[in-house]
Amino acid sequence: MKEWRLLIEQAQTGHEASRQKILEKLEPKINKSLRQTTHQNRADLKQELVIKTLIAVQEFDTRSVPGFWHFVEESEPPKAARQAGK
């Protein structure tokens, strides 16, 4: 997870190698998604996905990502609901 955060932060400062590494890591997912489309559209769609990915990386706020324990606390049902289930 720290590697992703570092790559994103570096890419946001213009580090081209970090942008490239992000795209390399996501390429299998992008290619898998492209298999759901016709062969004629794949090159154009891949370009669009790369552009959208780079925009998302640029706009992503790494400081707003919740930590694990915050996620666990948010996922737990309210105390009243837990007591009602006993």
C-alpha atoms as a PDB file:
ATOM      1  CA  MET A   1       0.000   0.000   0.000  1.00  0.00           C
ATOM      2  CA  LYS A   2       2.848   2.364   0.798  1.00  0.00           C
ATOM      3  CA  GLU A   3       4.316   1.682  -2.632  1.00  0.00           C
ATOM      4  CA  TRP A   4       1.066   2.822  -4.307  1.00  0.00           C
ATOM      5  CA  ARG A   5       0.919   5.935  -2.145  1.00  0.00           C
ATOM      6  CA  LEU A   6       4.517   6.823  -2.982  1.00  0.00           C
ATOM      7  CA  LEU A   7       3.981   6.206  -6.701  1.00  0.00           C
ATOM      8  CA  ILE A   8       0.850   8.361  -6.719  1.00  0.00           C
ATOM      9  CA  GLU A   9       2.503  11.195  -4.812  1.00  0.00           C
ATOM     10  CA  GLN A  10       5.535  11.121  -7.117  1.00  0.00           C
ATOM     11  CA  ALA A  11       3.339  11.005 -10.215  1.00  0.00           C
ATOM     12  CA  GLN A  12       1.428  14.026  -8.946  1.00  0.00           C
ATOM     13  CA  THR A  13       4.685  15.991  -8.822  1.00  0.00           C
ATOM     14  CA  GLY A  14       5.434  15.146 -12.456  1.00  0.00           C
ATOM     15  CA  HIS A  15       7.675  12.105 -12.001  1.00  0.00           C
ATOM     16  CA  GLU A  16       7.223  10.334 -15.345  1.00  0.00           C
ATOM     17  CA  ALA A  17       8.739   7.021 -14.195  1.00  0.00           C
ATOM     18  CA  SER A  18       6.117   6.797 -11.430  1.00  0.00           C
ATOM     19  CA  ARG A  19       3.295   7.407 -13.903  1.00  0.00           C
ATOM     20  CA  GLN A  20       4.716   4.691 -16.114  1.00  0.00           C
ATOM     21  CA  LYS A  21       5.020   2.259 -13.174  1.00  0.00           C
ATOM     22  CA  ILE A  22       1.376   2.877 -12.218  1.00  0.00           C
ATOM     23  CA  LEU A  23       0.255   2.154 -15.777  1.00  0.00           C
ATOM     24  CA  GLU A  24       2.411  -0.998 -15.873  1.00  0.00           C
ATOM     25  CA  LYS A  25       0.831  -2.245 -12.639  1.00  0.00           C
ATOM     26  CA  LEU A  26      -2.675  -1.576 -13.969  1.00  0.00           C
ATOM     27  CA  GLU A  27      -2.071  -2.897 -17.486  1.00  0.00           C
ATOM     28  CA  PRO A  28      -3.259  -6.482 -16.765  1.00  0.00           C
ATOM     29  CA  LYS A  29      -6.555  -5.134 -15.377  1.00  0.00           C
ATOM     30  CA  ILE A  30      -6.970  -2.742 -18.296  1.00  0.00           C
ATOM     31  CA  ASN A  31      -6.266  -5.504 -20.824  1.00  0.00           C
ATOM     32  CA  LYS A  32      -8.687  -7.864 -19.083  1.00  0.00           C
ATOM     33  CA  SER A  33     -11.400  -5.216 -19.201  1.00  0.00           C
ATOM     34  CA  LEU A  34     -10.720  -4.573 -22.882  1.00  0.00           C
ATOM     35  CA  ARG A  35     -11.455  -8.221 -23.695  1.00  0.00           C
ATOM     36  CA  GLN A  36     -15.104  -7.427 -23.028  1.00  0.00           C
ATOM     37  CA  THR A  37     -15.181  -5.131 -26.058  1.00  0.00           C
ATOM     38  CA  THR A  38     -14.872  -5.667 -29.780  1.00  0.00           C
ATOM     39  CA  HIS A  39     -11.369  -5.894 -31.184  1.00  0.00           C
ATOM     40  CA  GLN A  40     -11.928  -2.785 -33.333  1.00  0.00           C
ATOM     41  CA  ASN A  41     -12.568  -0.583 -30.295  1.00  0.00           C
ATOM     42  CA  ARG A  42      -9.769  -1.812 -28.031  1.00  0.00           C
ATOM     43  CA  ALA A  43      -6.992   0.576 -29.075  1.00  0.00           C
ATOM     44  CA  ASP A  44      -9.199   3.653 -28.678  1.00  0.00           C
ATOM     45  CA  LEU A  45     -10.644   2.419 -25.394  1.00  0.00           C
ATOM     46  CA  LYS A  46      -7.183   1.636 -24.035  1.00  0.00           C
ATOM     47  CA  GLN A  47      -6.103   5.203 -24.785  1.00  0.00           C
ATOM     48  CA  GLU A  48      -9.188   6.520 -22.992  1.00  0.00           C
ATOM     49  CA  LEU A  49      -8.564   4.272 -19.976  1.00  0.00           C
ATOM     50  CA  VAL A  50      -4.955   5.425 -19.748  1.00  0.00           C
ATOM     51  CA  ILE A  51      -6.029   9.067 -19.897  1.00  0.00           C
ATOM     52  CA  LYS A  52      -8.749   8.538 -17.269  1.00  0.00           C
ATOM     53  CA  THR A  53      -6.271   6.678 -15.049  1.00  0.00           C
ATOM     54  CA  LEU A  54      -3.717   9.477 -15.239  1.00  0.00           C
ATOM     55  CA  ILE A  55      -6.399  12.060 -14.462  1.00  0.00           C
ATOM     56  CA  ALA A  56      -7.576   9.988 -11.473  1.00  0.00           C
ATOM     57  CA  VAL A  57      -4.000   9.677 -10.206  1.00  0.00           C
ATOM     58  CA  GLN A  58      -3.489  13.421 -10.532  1.00  0.00           C
ATOM     59  CA  GLU A  59      -6.702  14.210  -8.611  1.00  0.00           C
ATOM     60  CA  PHE A  60      -6.362  11.491  -5.956  1.00  0.00           C
ATOM     61  CA  ASP A  61      -5.841  12.776  -2.407  1.00  0.00           C
ATOM     62  CA  THR A  62      -3.635  10.258  -0.604  1.00  0.00           C
ATOM     63  CA  ARG A  63      -4.258  12.030   2.702  1.00  0.00           C
ATOM     64  CA  SER A  64      -7.977  11.274   2.650  1.00  0.00           C
ATOM     65  CA  VAL A  65      -7.627   7.487   2.463  1.00  0.00           C
ATOM     66  CA  PRO A  66      -9.001   6.006   5.692  1.00  0.00           C
ATOM     67  CA  GLY A  67      -6.806   3.712   7.736  1.00  0.00           C
ATOM     68  CA  PHE A  68      -7.670   0.101   8.489  1.00  0.00           C
ATOM     69  CA  TRP A  69      -9.097   0.740  11.963  1.00  0.00           C
ATOM     70  CA  HIS A  70     -11.222   3.613  10.719  1.00  0.00           C
ATOM     71  CA  PHE A  71     -12.622   1.260   8.078  1.00  0.00           C
ATOM     72  CA  VAL A  72     -13.350  -1.417  10.724  1.00  0.00           C
ATOM     73  CA  GLU A  73     -15.106   1.087  12.971  1.00  0.00           C
ATOM     74  CA  GLU A  74     -17.224   2.366  10.094  1.00  0.00           C
ATOM     75  CA  SER A  75     -18.106  -1.195   9.049  1.00  0.00           C
ATOM     76  CA  GLU A  76     -19.389  -2.277  12.455  1.00  0.00           C
ATOM     77  CA  PRO A  77     -23.147  -2.135  12.975  1.00  0.00           C
ATOM     78  CA  PRO A  78     -24.348   0.401  15.547  1.00  0.00           C
ATOM     79  CA  LYS A  79     -24.158  -0.780  19.161  1.00  0.00           C
ATOM     80  CA  ALA A  80     -27.972  -0.864  19.478  1.00  0.00           C
ATOM     81  CA  ALA A  81     -28.218  -3.176  16.470  1.00  0.00           C
ATOM     82  CA  ARG A  82     -25.561  -5.510  17.940  1.00  0.00           C
ATOM     83  CA  GLN A  83     -27.412  -5.691  21.268  1.00  0.00           C
ATOM     84  CA  ALA A  84     -30.746  -6.352  19.560  1.00  0.00           C
ATOM     85  CA  GLY A  85     -29.222  -9.337  17.751  1.00  0.00           C
ATOM     86  CA  LYS A  86     -28.159 -11.037  21.039  1.00  0.00           C
END
